[in-house]
Amino acid sequence: MGDYRYEHGNNEPVSVSEWLITALIMVIPLVNIVMPFVWAFGNGTKRSKSNFFKAQLVVALIGVVFYFLFAGMLFSYIRMPSQMMF
């Protein structure tokens, strides 16, 4: 049957030093766009770190959708003729 930990990924906790290194990597421009995908979907990443970055990508995607929705509403409001406003 085997050990659950080895069959389903690396379940070790992420250390504080590893989170500090992660935070330092995330402040580097352009690298901070690529690395969340690497950590979320890479094979060698600890499970908790992988899940954190998957959740972060979902939240970022929701933010982008809301941004375009609100930007579209604002743009359509600005472009609306003045006699149709009331």
C-alpha atoms as a PDB file:
ATOM      1  CA  MET A   1       0.000   0.000   0.000  1.00  0.00           C
ATOM      2  CA  GLY A   2       2.824   2.424   0.785  1.00  0.00           C
ATOM      3  CA  ASP A   3       3.092   5.615   2.737  1.00  0.00           C
ATOM      4  CA  TYR A   4       0.453   8.252   1.891  1.00  0.00           C
ATOM      5  CA  ARG A   5       3.036  11.030   2.115  1.00  0.00           C
ATOM      6  CA  TYR A   6       5.152   9.558  -0.667  1.00  0.00           C
ATOM      7  CA  GLU A   7       2.256   8.622  -2.919  1.00  0.00           C
ATOM      8  CA  HIS A   8       0.600  12.039  -2.945  1.00  0.00           C
ATOM      9  CA  GLY A   9       3.384  14.599  -3.108  1.00  0.00           C
ATOM     10  CA  ASN A  10       5.626  16.393  -0.682  1.00  0.00           C
ATOM     11  CA  ASN A  11       3.582  17.184   2.427  1.00  0.00           C
ATOM     12  CA  GLU A  12       6.448  18.638   4.462  1.00  0.00           C
ATOM     13  CA  PRO A  13       5.772  22.092   5.900  1.00  0.00           C
ATOM     14  CA  VAL A  14       7.360  25.071   4.201  1.00  0.00           C
ATOM     15  CA  SER A  15       9.975  26.622   6.468  1.00  0.00           C
ATOM     16  CA  VAL A  16      10.197  30.298   7.336  1.00  0.00           C
ATOM     17  CA  SER A  17      13.469  30.638   5.461  1.00  0.00           C
ATOM     18  CA  GLU A  18      11.891  29.125   2.348  1.00  0.00           C
ATOM     19  CA  TRP A  19       9.014  31.634   2.567  1.00  0.00           C
ATOM     20  CA  LEU A  20      11.547  34.482   2.931  1.00  0.00           C
ATOM     21  CA  ILE A  21      13.387  33.310  -0.176  1.00  0.00           C
ATOM     22  CA  THR A  22      10.050  33.026  -1.968  1.00  0.00           C
ATOM     23  CA  ALA A  23       9.172  36.609  -0.971  1.00  0.00           C
ATOM     24  CA  LEU A  24      12.550  37.859  -2.213  1.00  0.00           C
ATOM     25  CA  ILE A  25      12.065  36.095  -5.536  1.00  0.00           C
ATOM     26  CA  MET A  26       8.596  37.616  -5.881  1.00  0.00           C
ATOM     27  CA  VAL A  27       9.973  41.193  -5.784  1.00  0.00           C
ATOM     28  CA  ILE A  28      12.055  40.636  -8.946  1.00  0.00           C
ATOM     29  CA  PRO A  29      10.226  42.110 -11.961  1.00  0.00           C
ATOM     30  CA  LEU A  30       9.015  39.627 -14.608  1.00  0.00           C
ATOM     31  CA  VAL A  31      10.215  36.711 -12.468  1.00  0.00           C
ATOM     32  CA  ASN A  32       7.224  37.388 -10.192  1.00  0.00           C
ATOM     33  CA  ILE A  33       4.934  36.651 -13.149  1.00  0.00           C
ATOM     34  CA  VAL A  34       6.528  33.321 -14.094  1.00  0.00           C
ATOM     35  CA  MET A  35       7.393  31.807 -10.703  1.00  0.00           C
ATOM     36  CA  PRO A  36       3.822  31.485  -9.341  1.00  0.00           C
ATOM     37  CA  PHE A  37       3.048  29.220 -12.313  1.00  0.00           C
ATOM     38  CA  VAL A  38       6.229  27.213 -11.709  1.00  0.00           C
ATOM     39  CA  TRP A  39       5.460  26.812  -8.003  1.00  0.00           C
ATOM     40  CA  ALA A  40       1.768  26.106  -8.590  1.00  0.00           C
ATOM     41  CA  PHE A  41       2.177  23.455 -11.283  1.00  0.00           C
ATOM     42  CA  GLY A  42       5.788  22.247 -10.864  1.00  0.00           C
ATOM     43  CA  ASN A  43       6.592  18.754  -9.658  1.00  0.00           C
ATOM     44  CA  GLY A  44       9.262  19.533  -7.056  1.00  0.00           C
ATOM     45  CA  THR A  45       7.236  22.042  -5.034  1.00  0.00           C
ATOM     46  CA  LYS A  46       5.913  21.274  -1.570  1.00  0.00           C
ATOM     47  CA  ARG A  47       2.165  20.685  -1.536  1.00  0.00           C
ATOM     48  CA  SER A  48       1.255  23.640   0.740  1.00  0.00           C
ATOM     49  CA  LYS A  49       3.329  26.056  -1.347  1.00  0.00           C
ATOM     50  CA  SER A  50       1.786  24.685  -4.538  1.00  0.00           C
ATOM     51  CA  ASN A  51      -1.729  25.097  -3.154  1.00  0.00           C
ATOM     52  CA  PHE A  52      -0.961  28.633  -1.983  1.00  0.00           C
ATOM     53  CA  PHE A  53       0.163  29.721  -5.442  1.00  0.00           C
ATOM     54  CA  LYS A  54      -2.774  27.970  -7.133  1.00  0.00           C
ATOM     55  CA  ALA A  55      -5.100  29.964  -4.883  1.00  0.00           C
ATOM     56  CA  GLN A  56      -3.127  33.136  -5.587  1.00  0.00           C
ATOM     57  CA  LEU A  57      -3.507  32.593  -9.336  1.00  0.00           C
ATOM     58  CA  VAL A  58      -7.270  32.082  -8.964  1.00  0.00           C
ATOM     59  CA  VAL A  59      -7.584  35.306  -6.948  1.00  0.00           C
ATOM     60  CA  ALA A  60      -5.478  37.177  -9.533  1.00  0.00           C
ATOM     61  CA  LEU A  61      -7.684  35.852 -12.343  1.00  0.00           C
ATOM     62  CA  ILE A  62     -10.817  37.009 -10.507  1.00  0.00           C
ATOM     63  CA  GLY A  63      -9.190  40.423 -10.025  1.00  0.00           C
ATOM     64  CA  VAL A  64      -8.399  40.714 -13.735  1.00  0.00           C
ATOM     65  CA  VAL A  65     -11.988  39.811 -14.655  1.00  0.00           C
ATOM     66  CA  PHE A  66     -13.386  42.431 -12.259  1.00  0.00           C
ATOM     67  CA  TYR A  67     -10.892  44.999 -13.551  1.00  0.00           C
ATOM     68  CA  PHE A  68     -12.068  44.560 -17.141  1.00  0.00           C
ATOM     69  CA  LEU A  69     -15.727  44.567 -16.106  1.00  0.00           C
ATOM     70  CA  PHE A  70     -15.416  47.810 -14.161  1.00  0.00           C
ATOM     71  CA  ALA A  71     -13.140  49.403 -16.769  1.00  0.00           C
ATOM     72  CA  GLY A  72     -15.696  48.530 -19.455  1.00  0.00           C
ATOM     73  CA  MET A  73     -18.540  50.006 -17.424  1.00  0.00           C
ATOM     74  CA  LEU A  74     -16.549  53.170 -16.752  1.00  0.00           C
ATOM     75  CA  PHE A  75     -15.573  53.501 -20.405  1.00  0.00           C
ATOM     76  CA  SER A  76     -19.166  53.033 -21.556  1.00  0.00           C
ATOM     77  CA  TYR A  77     -20.364  55.600 -19.005  1.00  0.00           C
ATOM     78  CA  ILE A  78     -17.803  58.151 -20.215  1.00  0.00           C
ATOM     79  CA  ARG A  79     -18.639  57.529 -23.885  1.00  0.00           C
ATOM     80  CA  MET A  80     -22.390  57.807 -23.292  1.00  0.00           C
ATOM     81  CA  PRO A  81     -23.972  60.925 -24.855  1.00  0.00           C
ATOM     82  CA  SER A  82     -24.920  63.549 -22.289  1.00  0.00           C
ATOM     83  CA  GLN A  83     -28.659  63.537 -23.167  1.00  0.00           C
ATOM     84  CA  MET A  84     -28.918  59.827 -22.392  1.00  0.00           C
ATOM     85  CA  MET A  85     -27.471  60.117 -18.898  1.00  0.00           C
ATOM     86  CA  PHE A  86     -30.764  60.989 -17.222  1.00  0.00           C
END
